[in-house]
Amino acid sequence: LPVLQQSIILLGYRISTSGVEMESDRISAVRNWPTPTTVKEVQLFLGFANYYRSLSGVLVRQRLPLPHC
């Protein structure tokens, strides 16, 4: 990181001297994600969750049942 910069956003991640975390707008997207009602919507959510799985403490703690589509 440049000397005067506390953090940078790169590929949807906030990288700082204290570590790597999800960008705040991505966290909001997960919290406000509508309940999937079709197979395609479940696939989209799982793809999103898979991309962030290394940082998914929130997702792991809040396992919700996926609807049968």
Protein backbone atom coordinates (compact mmCIF):
# COMPACT_ATOMS: atom_id res chain seq x y z
CA LEU A 1 0.00 0.00 0.00
CA PRO A 2 1.20 3.53 -0.67
CA VAL A 3 2.48 5.24 2.48
CA LEU A 4 -0.40 7.72 2.86
CA GLN A 5 -3.21 5.36 1.89
CA GLN A 6 -4.99 3.36 4.64
CA SER A 7 -6.73 0.94 2.29
CA ILE A 8 -7.56 0.21 -1.33
CA ILE A 9 -10.47 -1.53 -3.02
CA LEU A 10 -9.43 -4.21 -5.48
CA LEU A 11 -11.78 -6.67 -7.22
CA GLY A 12 -14.51 -6.21 -4.61
CA TYR A 13 -12.16 -6.52 -1.63
CA ARG A 14 -11.01 -3.80 0.75
CA ILE A 15 -7.32 -4.40 1.43
CA SER A 16 -5.68 -2.59 4.32
CA THR A 17 -2.83 -2.98 6.76
CA SER A 18 -5.25 -4.79 9.09
CA GLY A 19 -6.33 -7.39 6.52
CA VAL A 20 -8.77 -8.17 3.72
CA GLU A 21 -12.54 -7.76 3.97
CA MET A 22 -15.62 -7.50 1.79
CA GLU A 23 -16.44 -4.07 0.45
CA SER A 24 -19.29 -2.47 2.45
CA ASP A 25 -21.66 -2.30 -0.54
CA ARG A 26 -21.19 -6.05 -1.03
CA ILE A 27 -22.13 -6.69 2.60
CA SER A 28 -25.29 -4.64 2.07
CA ALA A 29 -26.06 -6.66 -1.06
CA VAL A 30 -25.93 -9.91 0.94
CA ARG A 31 -28.08 -8.53 3.74
CA ASN A 32 -30.70 -7.23 1.30
CA TRP A 33 -30.63 -10.17 -1.13
CA PRO A 34 -34.22 -11.22 -1.89
CA THR A 35 -35.20 -14.81 -1.19
CA PRO A 36 -34.51 -16.81 -4.36
CA THR A 37 -37.62 -18.29 -5.94
CA THR A 38 -36.17 -19.96 -9.05
CA VAL A 39 -33.28 -22.28 -9.74
CA LYS A 40 -31.49 -19.48 -11.62
CA GLU A 41 -31.81 -17.10 -8.65
CA VAL A 42 -30.39 -19.77 -6.30
CA GLN A 43 -27.49 -20.29 -8.73
CA LEU A 44 -26.81 -16.53 -8.83
CA PHE A 45 -26.74 -16.29 -5.04
CA LEU A 46 -24.51 -19.34 -4.67
CA GLY A 47 -22.12 -17.94 -7.29
CA PHE A 48 -21.92 -14.66 -5.36
CA ALA A 49 -21.42 -16.50 -2.06
CA ASN A 50 -18.76 -18.76 -3.60
CA TYR A 51 -16.77 -15.75 -4.84
CA TYR A 52 -16.60 -14.38 -1.29
CA ARG A 53 -16.40 -17.71 0.57
CA SER A 54 -12.98 -16.96 2.08
CA LEU A 55 -14.49 -13.90 3.79
CA SER A 56 -17.90 -15.35 4.46
CA GLY A 57 -18.01 -15.37 8.25
CA VAL A 58 -21.35 -13.60 8.03
CA LEU A 59 -22.69 -16.07 5.48
CA VAL A 60 -21.55 -19.06 7.53
CA ARG A 61 -23.18 -17.74 10.71
CA GLN A 62 -26.44 -16.98 8.93
CA ARG A 63 -27.10 -20.17 7.03
CA LEU A 64 -30.63 -19.92 5.83
CA PRO A 65 -32.58 -22.72 4.19
CA LEU A 66 -32.74 -22.32 0.44
CA PRO A 67 -36.22 -22.72 -0.99
CA HIS A 68 -37.03 -25.72 -3.13
CA CYS A 69 -37.32 -24.41 -6.68
